Amino acid sequence: MRKYAVLLTVLLLAQTGGAAEEKRAVGIILGSPTGLSVKWWTKPSVAWDGAVGWDVGGDGFFYLHADYLLHNRDVVRKMDLEAAVTEGELLFYYGLGGRLEAGDNSRLGGRLPLGLEYFFADVPLQGFIEIVPLLDLLPKTAFRFQGGIGIRYLF
């Protein structure tokens, strides 16, 4: 399991975009998982995100995930959520990622994050809420859900 933790950590920390408009953000996520949240925007609608912490919804495992995310403004328009946002910007995002929970009953699996992200107008902050279907692959196959809410500082 240790080699999976090292691999996911390297993928999470080594990924940098290269786009001229690249932004980075660091903050916290509360829920399942709870811990440090990071995000790298590589294009206006593409980003990598990750979290390190613990899964308070499970058995208190050490937790690590990394996701590739796509952001879609049209979904917010079609759901008529733009009317509720007078300042700032609201985006829908979805993606694919991997997750490691290390503890007495370690798990390795995939993530399909779905969420809403709000960019505040006058401060370099973004808030988000997400629900994530999970597919555990090791030690056995299982389907579960996670969810979280968080805030990040953009720099």
N, C-alpha and C. Protein backbone atom coordinates (compact mmCIF):
# COMPACT_ATOMS: atom_id res chain seq x y z
N MET A 1 0.82 -1.19 0.00
CA MET A 1 0.00 0.00 0.00
C MET A 1 0.86 1.26 0.00
N ARG A 2 2.03 1.18 0.62
CA ARG A 2 2.91 2.34 0.71
C ARG A 2 3.32 2.83 -0.68
N LYS A 3 3.56 1.90 -1.63
CA LYS A 3 3.96 2.32 -2.97
C LYS A 3 2.82 3.06 -3.67
N TYR A 4 1.56 2.69 -3.40
CA TYR A 4 0.42 3.42 -3.98
C TYR A 4 0.34 4.83 -3.41
N ALA A 5 0.60 4.99 -2.13
CA ALA A 5 0.59 6.31 -1.51
C ALA A 5 1.67 7.19 -2.11
N VAL A 6 2.85 6.64 -2.32
CA VAL A 6 3.96 7.40 -2.92
C VAL A 6 3.60 7.78 -4.35
N LEU A 7 3.05 6.86 -5.13
CA LEU A 7 2.68 7.13 -6.51
C LEU A 7 1.63 8.24 -6.60
N LEU A 8 0.58 8.17 -5.80
CA LEU A 8 -0.45 9.20 -5.82
C LEU A 8 0.09 10.55 -5.35
N THR A 9 0.95 10.56 -4.37
CA THR A 9 1.55 11.81 -3.90
C THR A 9 2.40 12.44 -5.00
N VAL A 10 3.20 11.64 -5.67
CA VAL A 10 4.04 12.17 -6.76
C VAL A 10 3.17 12.73 -7.88
N LEU A 11 2.12 12.02 -8.27
CA LEU A 11 1.24 12.51 -9.32
C LEU A 11 0.56 13.82 -8.91
N LEU A 12 0.13 13.90 -7.68
CA LEU A 12 -0.54 15.09 -7.19
C LEU A 12 0.39 16.29 -7.14
N LEU A 13 1.59 16.12 -6.62
CA LEU A 13 2.52 17.23 -6.43
C LEU A 13 3.29 17.60 -7.70
N ALA A 14 3.51 16.64 -8.59
CA ALA A 14 4.31 16.90 -9.77
C ALA A 14 3.52 17.53 -10.90
N GLN A 15 2.21 17.47 -10.86
CA GLN A 15 1.40 17.96 -11.97
C GLN A 15 1.32 19.48 -11.97
N THR A 16 1.93 20.09 -12.95
CA THR A 16 1.77 21.52 -13.17
C THR A 16 1.44 21.70 -14.63
N GLY A 17 0.60 22.65 -14.92
CA GLY A 17 0.10 22.84 -16.27
C GLY A 17 1.12 23.39 -17.22
N GLY A 18 1.27 24.69 -17.27
CA GLY A 18 2.11 25.31 -18.25
C GLY A 18 1.34 26.34 -19.05
N ALA A 19 0.06 26.44 -18.83
CA ALA A 19 -0.75 27.44 -19.52
C ALA A 19 -0.44 28.81 -18.95
N ALA A 20 -0.56 29.83 -19.79
CA ALA A 20 -0.28 31.19 -19.36
C ALA A 20 -1.23 31.66 -18.27
N GLU A 21 -2.44 31.15 -18.27
CA GLU A 21 -3.46 31.56 -17.30
C GLU A 21 -3.51 30.64 -16.09
N GLU A 22 -2.45 29.90 -15.83
CA GLU A 22 -2.45 28.94 -14.73
C GLU A 22 -2.69 29.64 -13.39
N LYS A 23 -3.57 29.05 -12.60
CA LYS A 23 -3.84 29.53 -11.25
C LYS A 23 -3.68 28.35 -10.31
N ARG A 24 -3.35 28.66 -9.08
CA ARG A 24 -3.26 27.63 -8.05
C ARG A 24 -4.07 28.06 -6.86
N ALA A 25 -4.53 27.09 -6.10
CA ALA A 25 -5.34 27.40 -4.92
C ALA A 25 -5.05 26.36 -3.84
N VAL A 26 -5.08 26.82 -2.60
CA VAL A 26 -4.87 25.95 -1.44
C VAL A 26 -5.92 26.30 -0.40
N GLY A 27 -6.48 25.28 0.24
CA GLY A 27 -7.49 25.52 1.26
C GLY A 27 -7.81 24.26 2.03
N ILE A 28 -9.06 24.20 2.48
CA ILE A 28 -9.49 23.05 3.28
C ILE A 28 -10.75 22.44 2.67
N ILE A 29 -10.93 21.17 2.93
CA ILE A 29 -12.15 20.46 2.59
C ILE A 29 -12.66 19.80 3.87
N LEU A 30 -13.96 19.88 4.08
CA LEU A 30 -14.60 19.27 5.24
C LEU A 30 -15.61 18.25 4.76
N GLY A 31 -15.67 17.14 5.43
CA GLY A 31 -16.60 16.07 5.07
C GLY A 31 -15.83 14.78 4.96
N SER A 32 -16.02 14.12 3.84
CA SER A 32 -15.32 12.87 3.60
C SER A 32 -14.63 13.00 2.25
N PRO A 33 -13.40 13.46 2.22
CA PRO A 33 -12.39 13.59 3.27
C PRO A 33 -12.43 14.95 3.99
N THR A 34 -11.64 15.05 5.04
CA THR A 34 -11.38 16.30 5.75
C THR A 34 -9.88 16.50 5.75
N GLY A 35 -9.45 17.69 5.29
CA GLY A 35 -8.01 17.95 5.25
C GLY A 35 -7.65 19.11 4.37
N LEU A 36 -6.44 19.05 3.81
CA LEU A 36 -5.89 20.08 2.94
C LEU A 36 -6.34 19.81 1.51
N SER A 37 -6.80 20.87 0.83
CA SER A 37 -7.25 20.78 -0.56
C SER A 37 -6.40 21.68 -1.43
N VAL A 38 -5.97 21.18 -2.59
CA VAL A 38 -5.18 21.97 -3.53
C VAL A 38 -5.80 21.86 -4.92
N LYS A 39 -5.55 22.89 -5.75
CA LYS A 39 -6.06 22.87 -7.12
C LYS A 39 -5.12 23.64 -8.02
N TRP A 40 -4.86 23.08 -9.22
CA TRP A 40 -4.06 23.73 -10.25
C TRP A 40 -4.91 23.85 -11.50
N TRP A 41 -5.17 25.08 -11.92
CA TRP A 41 -5.86 25.34 -13.18
C TRP A 41 -4.81 25.36 -14.29
N THR A 42 -4.98 24.54 -15.31
CA THR A 42 -4.04 24.51 -16.42
C THR A 42 -4.60 25.22 -17.65
N LYS A 43 -5.92 25.34 -17.73
CA LYS A 43 -6.63 26.04 -18.79
C LYS A 43 -7.89 26.63 -18.15
N PRO A 44 -8.59 27.53 -18.81
CA PRO A 44 -9.79 28.11 -18.19
C PRO A 44 -10.85 27.09 -17.77
N SER A 45 -10.91 25.94 -18.43
CA SER A 45 -11.93 24.96 -18.05
C SER A 45 -11.34 23.62 -17.59
N VAL A 46 -10.03 23.56 -17.37
CA VAL A 46 -9.37 22.30 -16.99
C VAL A 46 -8.51 22.53 -15.74
N ALA A 47 -8.59 21.60 -14.80
CA ALA A 47 -7.80 21.71 -13.58
C ALA A 47 -7.49 20.33 -13.02
N TRP A 48 -6.48 20.29 -12.17
CA TRP A 48 -6.15 19.13 -11.34
C TRP A 48 -6.44 19.52 -9.91
N ASP A 49 -7.03 18.63 -9.14
CA ASP A 49 -7.20 18.92 -7.72
C ASP A 49 -6.81 17.71 -6.91
N GLY A 50 -6.60 17.95 -5.64
CA GLY A 50 -6.22 16.86 -4.76
C GLY A 50 -6.49 17.22 -3.32
N ALA A 51 -6.46 16.21 -2.50
CA ALA A 51 -6.64 16.41 -1.06
C ALA A 51 -5.80 15.38 -0.31
N VAL A 52 -5.35 15.82 0.85
CA VAL A 52 -4.65 14.93 1.76
C VAL A 52 -5.23 15.20 3.15
N GLY A 53 -5.52 14.15 3.87
CA GLY A 53 -6.13 14.32 5.19
C GLY A 53 -6.57 12.98 5.73
N TRP A 54 -7.82 12.93 6.19
CA TRP A 54 -8.35 11.68 6.72
C TRP A 54 -9.82 11.58 6.34
N ASP A 55 -10.30 10.36 6.29
CA ASP A 55 -11.69 10.09 5.94
C ASP A 55 -12.47 9.90 7.22
N VAL A 56 -13.09 10.98 7.70
CA VAL A 56 -13.83 10.91 8.96
C VAL A 56 -15.12 10.11 8.83
N GLY A 57 -15.59 9.92 7.60
CA GLY A 57 -16.80 9.13 7.39
C GLY A 57 -16.54 7.64 7.47
N GLY A 58 -15.29 7.24 7.37
CA GLY A 58 -14.93 5.82 7.43
C GLY A 58 -14.37 5.48 8.79
N ASP A 59 -13.21 4.85 8.77
CA ASP A 59 -12.56 4.41 10.00
C ASP A 59 -11.40 5.32 10.41
N GLY A 60 -11.43 6.61 10.01
CA GLY A 60 -10.37 7.53 10.36
C GLY A 60 -9.09 7.29 9.59
N PHE A 61 -9.19 6.81 8.36
CA PHE A 61 -8.04 6.50 7.53
C PHE A 61 -7.27 7.75 7.12
N PHE A 62 -5.94 7.58 6.90
CA PHE A 62 -5.18 8.57 6.16
C PHE A 62 -5.74 8.55 4.74
N TYR A 63 -5.90 9.72 4.14
CA TYR A 63 -6.60 9.83 2.87
C TYR A 63 -5.81 10.67 1.89
N LEU A 64 -5.81 10.26 0.61
CA LEU A 64 -5.16 11.00 -0.45
C LEU A 64 -5.94 10.80 -1.74
N HIS A 65 -6.23 11.89 -2.47
CA HIS A 65 -6.83 11.74 -3.79
C HIS A 65 -6.28 12.77 -4.76
N ALA A 66 -6.38 12.45 -6.05
CA ALA A 66 -6.01 13.36 -7.14
C ALA A 66 -7.05 13.19 -8.24
N ASP A 67 -7.53 14.33 -8.79
CA ASP A 67 -8.58 14.31 -9.82
C ASP A 67 -8.21 15.20 -10.99
N TYR A 68 -8.63 14.79 -12.18
CA TYR A 68 -8.58 15.62 -13.38
C TYR A 68 -9.99 16.14 -13.57
N LEU A 69 -10.15 17.48 -13.62
CA LEU A 69 -11.49 18.08 -13.64
C LEU A 69 -11.73 18.93 -14.88
N LEU A 70 -12.94 18.85 -15.40
CA LEU A 70 -13.42 19.71 -16.47
C LEU A 70 -14.53 20.58 -15.91
N HIS A 71 -14.56 21.86 -16.29
CA HIS A 71 -15.53 22.81 -15.79
C HIS A 71 -16.44 23.25 -16.93
N ASN A 72 -17.74 23.34 -16.65
CA ASN A 72 -18.72 23.63 -17.69
C ASN A 72 -19.66 24.74 -17.23
N ARG A 73 -19.61 25.88 -17.89
CA ARG A 73 -20.49 27.00 -17.56
C ARG A 73 -21.90 26.79 -18.07
N ASP A 74 -22.05 26.01 -19.15
CA ASP A 74 -23.37 25.80 -19.75
C ASP A 74 -24.33 25.06 -18.82
N VAL A 75 -23.81 24.15 -18.01
CA VAL A 75 -24.67 23.40 -17.08
C VAL A 75 -25.32 24.36 -16.09
N VAL A 76 -24.55 25.33 -15.60
CA VAL A 76 -25.08 26.32 -14.65
C VAL A 76 -26.17 27.15 -15.32
N ARG A 77 -25.95 27.52 -16.58
CA ARG A 77 -26.97 28.28 -17.33
C ARG A 77 -28.24 27.46 -17.53
N LYS A 78 -28.09 26.21 -17.93
CA LYS A 78 -29.25 25.35 -18.20
C LYS A 78 -30.04 25.05 -16.93
N MET A 79 -29.35 24.98 -15.79
CA MET A 79 -30.05 24.73 -14.53
C MET A 79 -30.61 26.02 -13.95
N ASP A 80 -30.42 27.13 -14.65
CA ASP A 80 -30.89 28.46 -14.24
C ASP A 80 -30.35 28.85 -12.87
N LEU A 81 -29.10 28.50 -12.60
CA LEU A 81 -28.46 28.88 -11.35
C LEU A 81 -27.77 30.23 -11.44
N GLU A 82 -27.55 30.73 -12.67
CA GLU A 82 -26.90 32.02 -12.84
C GLU A 82 -27.68 33.15 -12.20
N ALA A 83 -29.01 33.03 -12.21
CA ALA A 83 -29.85 34.09 -11.64
C ALA A 83 -29.59 34.27 -10.14
N ALA A 84 -29.18 33.23 -9.47
CA ALA A 84 -28.92 33.31 -8.03
C ALA A 84 -27.56 33.94 -7.71
N VAL A 85 -26.71 34.08 -8.73
CA VAL A 85 -25.37 34.61 -8.54
C VAL A 85 -25.32 36.02 -9.13
N THR A 86 -25.32 37.04 -8.27
CA THR A 86 -25.28 38.42 -8.77
C THR A 86 -23.85 38.91 -8.92
N GLU A 87 -22.92 38.38 -8.14
CA GLU A 87 -21.50 38.72 -8.24
C GLU A 87 -20.72 37.42 -8.22
N GLY A 88 -19.50 37.46 -8.74
CA GLY A 88 -18.68 36.26 -8.76
C GLY A 88 -19.06 35.37 -9.91
N GLU A 89 -18.61 34.13 -9.86
CA GLU A 89 -18.87 33.17 -10.93
C GLU A 89 -19.10 31.78 -10.35
N LEU A 90 -20.11 31.09 -10.88
CA LEU A 90 -20.45 29.74 -10.46
C LEU A 90 -20.18 28.78 -11.61
N LEU A 91 -19.44 27.70 -11.33
CA LEU A 91 -19.11 26.69 -12.34
C LEU A 91 -19.53 25.30 -11.86
N PHE A 92 -19.95 24.47 -12.79
CA PHE A 92 -20.18 23.05 -12.54
C PHE A 92 -18.91 22.33 -12.99
N TYR A 93 -18.50 21.31 -12.23
CA TYR A 93 -17.33 20.54 -12.65
C TYR A 93 -17.59 19.04 -12.48
N TYR A 94 -16.85 18.28 -13.26
CA TYR A 94 -16.91 16.82 -13.21
C TYR A 94 -15.53 16.30 -13.59
N GLY A 95 -15.25 15.07 -13.23
CA GLY A 95 -13.93 14.56 -13.57
C GLY A 95 -13.74 13.11 -13.22
N LEU A 96 -12.47 12.73 -13.20
CA LEU A 96 -12.05 11.37 -12.94
C LEU A 96 -10.78 11.41 -12.12
N GLY A 97 -10.69 10.54 -11.13
CA GLY A 97 -9.51 10.55 -10.29
C GLY A 97 -9.27 9.23 -9.58
N GLY A 98 -8.26 9.26 -8.74
CA GLY A 98 -7.91 8.09 -7.95
C GLY A 98 -7.82 8.45 -6.48
N ARG A 99 -7.93 7.44 -5.62
CA ARG A 99 -7.99 7.67 -4.18
C ARG A 99 -7.31 6.52 -3.44
N LEU A 100 -6.64 6.89 -2.35
CA LEU A 100 -6.03 5.91 -1.47
C LEU A 100 -6.45 6.22 -0.05
N GLU A 101 -6.95 5.22 0.66
CA GLU A 101 -7.23 5.31 2.09
C GLU A 101 -6.34 4.28 2.75
N ALA A 102 -5.45 4.73 3.63
CA ALA A 102 -4.48 3.84 4.26
C ALA A 102 -4.79 3.72 5.74
N GLY A 103 -4.90 2.52 6.22
CA GLY A 103 -5.18 2.25 7.62
C GLY A 103 -5.29 0.76 7.84
N ASP A 104 -6.05 0.36 8.85
CA ASP A 104 -6.23 -1.07 9.11
C ASP A 104 -6.86 -1.79 7.94
N ASN A 105 -7.82 -1.16 7.29
CA ASN A 105 -8.51 -1.72 6.12
C ASN A 105 -8.27 -0.80 4.93
N SER A 106 -7.06 -0.79 4.39
CA SER A 106 -6.70 0.13 3.30
C SER A 106 -7.54 -0.13 2.06
N ARG A 107 -7.77 0.96 1.30
CA ARG A 107 -8.56 0.87 0.07
C ARG A 107 -7.88 1.69 -1.02
N LEU A 108 -7.99 1.21 -2.25
CA LEU A 108 -7.51 1.92 -3.41
C LEU A 108 -8.63 1.88 -4.44
N GLY A 109 -8.93 3.03 -5.06
CA GLY A 109 -10.02 3.03 -6.01
C GLY A 109 -10.10 4.30 -6.83
N GLY A 110 -11.19 4.39 -7.59
CA GLY A 110 -11.43 5.52 -8.47
C GLY A 110 -12.49 6.45 -7.93
N ARG A 111 -12.48 7.69 -8.44
CA ARG A 111 -13.43 8.73 -8.05
C ARG A 111 -14.04 9.35 -9.30
N LEU A 112 -15.31 9.76 -9.20
CA LEU A 112 -15.99 10.51 -10.25
C LEU A 112 -16.60 11.76 -9.63
N PRO A 113 -15.78 12.79 -9.35
CA PRO A 113 -16.29 13.97 -8.66
C PRO A 113 -17.27 14.79 -9.51
N LEU A 114 -18.33 15.27 -8.88
CA LEU A 114 -19.32 16.18 -9.46
C LEU A 114 -19.52 17.31 -8.47
N GLY A 115 -19.42 18.56 -8.92
CA GLY A 115 -19.55 19.63 -7.95
C GLY A 115 -19.86 20.98 -8.54
N LEU A 116 -20.07 21.92 -7.63
CA LEU A 116 -20.26 23.33 -7.96
C LEU A 116 -19.16 24.11 -7.28
N GLU A 117 -18.62 25.08 -8.01
CA GLU A 117 -17.53 25.90 -7.49
C GLU A 117 -17.89 27.37 -7.69
N TYR A 118 -17.74 28.16 -6.63
CA TYR A 118 -18.07 29.58 -6.68
C TYR A 118 -16.81 30.41 -6.48
N PHE A 119 -16.58 31.34 -7.41
CA PHE A 119 -15.46 32.27 -7.32
C PHE A 119 -16.00 33.61 -6.82
N PHE A 120 -15.53 34.05 -5.67
CA PHE A 120 -15.96 35.33 -5.11
C PHE A 120 -15.45 36.47 -5.99
N ALA A 121 -16.24 37.54 -6.09
CA ALA A 121 -15.94 38.64 -7.00
C ALA A 121 -14.76 39.50 -6.53
N ASP A 122 -14.71 39.85 -5.28
CA ASP A 122 -13.74 40.85 -4.81
C ASP A 122 -12.58 40.29 -4.00
N VAL A 123 -12.56 39.01 -3.74
CA VAL A 123 -11.49 38.40 -2.97
C VAL A 123 -11.00 37.15 -3.69
N PRO A 124 -9.73 36.78 -3.54
CA PRO A 124 -9.20 35.61 -4.25
C PRO A 124 -9.56 34.30 -3.54
N LEU A 125 -10.85 34.05 -3.40
CA LEU A 125 -11.34 32.82 -2.76
C LEU A 125 -12.29 32.09 -3.68
N GLN A 126 -12.30 30.78 -3.56
CA GLN A 126 -13.29 29.95 -4.24
C GLN A 126 -13.85 28.95 -3.23
N GLY A 127 -15.16 28.81 -3.25
CA GLY A 127 -15.83 27.82 -2.42
C GLY A 127 -16.35 26.71 -3.29
N PHE A 128 -16.47 25.53 -2.74
CA PHE A 128 -16.96 24.41 -3.55
C PHE A 128 -17.74 23.42 -2.69
N ILE A 129 -18.60 22.68 -3.37
CA ILE A 129 -19.34 21.58 -2.77
C ILE A 129 -19.36 20.46 -3.80
N GLU A 130 -19.14 19.23 -3.34
CA GLU A 130 -19.09 18.13 -4.30
C GLU A 130 -19.64 16.84 -3.71
N ILE A 131 -20.11 16.00 -4.62
CA ILE A 131 -20.50 14.64 -4.29
C ILE A 131 -19.68 13.75 -5.22
N VAL A 132 -19.20 12.63 -4.66
CA VAL A 132 -18.26 11.81 -5.42
C VAL A 132 -18.62 10.33 -5.32
N PRO A 133 -19.13 9.76 -6.41
CA PRO A 133 -19.25 8.30 -6.46
C PRO A 133 -17.85 7.67 -6.47
N LEU A 134 -17.68 6.60 -5.70
CA LEU A 134 -16.39 5.92 -5.58
C LEU A 134 -16.52 4.47 -6.03
N LEU A 135 -15.48 3.97 -6.64
CA LEU A 135 -15.39 2.55 -6.96
C LEU A 135 -14.12 2.02 -6.34
N ASP A 136 -14.24 1.29 -5.24
CA ASP A 136 -13.09 0.65 -4.61
C ASP A 136 -12.64 -0.51 -5.48
N LEU A 137 -11.34 -0.62 -5.71
CA LEU A 137 -10.79 -1.71 -6.51
C LEU A 137 -10.01 -2.70 -5.66
N LEU A 138 -9.35 -2.21 -4.62
CA LEU A 138 -8.58 -3.05 -3.71
C LEU A 138 -8.95 -2.70 -2.28
N PRO A 139 -9.09 -3.58 -1.38
CA PRO A 139 -8.83 -5.00 -1.47
C PRO A 139 -9.97 -5.78 -2.10
N LYS A 140 -11.16 -5.15 -2.21
CA LYS A 140 -12.28 -5.79 -2.91
C LYS A 140 -13.08 -4.70 -3.60
N THR A 141 -13.85 -5.09 -4.59
CA THR A 141 -14.65 -4.14 -5.35
C THR A 141 -15.89 -3.76 -4.55
N ALA A 142 -16.10 -2.43 -4.44
CA ALA A 142 -17.28 -1.92 -3.74
C ALA A 142 -17.60 -0.53 -4.30
N PHE A 143 -18.87 -0.15 -4.25
CA PHE A 143 -19.33 1.16 -4.71
C PHE A 143 -19.83 1.95 -3.51
N ARG A 144 -19.33 3.19 -3.37
CA ARG A 144 -19.72 4.04 -2.25
C ARG A 144 -19.81 5.48 -2.73
N PHE A 145 -20.18 6.39 -1.81
CA PHE A 145 -20.21 7.82 -2.09
C PHE A 145 -19.43 8.58 -1.03
N GLN A 146 -18.85 9.71 -1.43
CA GLN A 146 -18.24 10.67 -0.52
C GLN A 146 -18.79 12.04 -0.87
N GLY A 147 -18.60 12.98 0.02
CA GLY A 147 -19.00 14.35 -0.26
C GLY A 147 -18.22 15.31 0.60
N GLY A 148 -18.10 16.53 0.13
CA GLY A 148 -17.36 17.51 0.90
C GLY A 148 -17.72 18.93 0.51
N ILE A 149 -17.34 19.84 1.37
CA ILE A 149 -17.51 21.27 1.14
C ILE A 149 -16.19 21.91 1.54
N GLY A 150 -15.79 22.96 0.82
CA GLY A 150 -14.51 23.56 1.14
C GLY A 150 -14.34 24.96 0.61
N ILE A 151 -13.20 25.52 0.95
CA ILE A 151 -12.84 26.86 0.48
C ILE A 151 -11.34 26.86 0.22
N ARG A 152 -10.94 27.59 -0.84
CA ARG A 152 -9.52 27.69 -1.20
C ARG A 152 -9.14 29.14 -1.48
N TYR A 153 -7.89 29.45 -1.20
CA TYR A 153 -7.32 30.76 -1.52
C TYR A 153 -6.59 30.66 -2.84
N LEU A 154 -6.91 31.55 -3.79
CA LEU A 154 -6.27 31.56 -5.12
C LEU A 154 -5.03 32.43 -5.10
N PHE A 155 -3.97 31.94 -5.72
CA PHE A 155 -2.77 32.76 -5.89
C PHE A 155 -2.14 32.50 -7.24
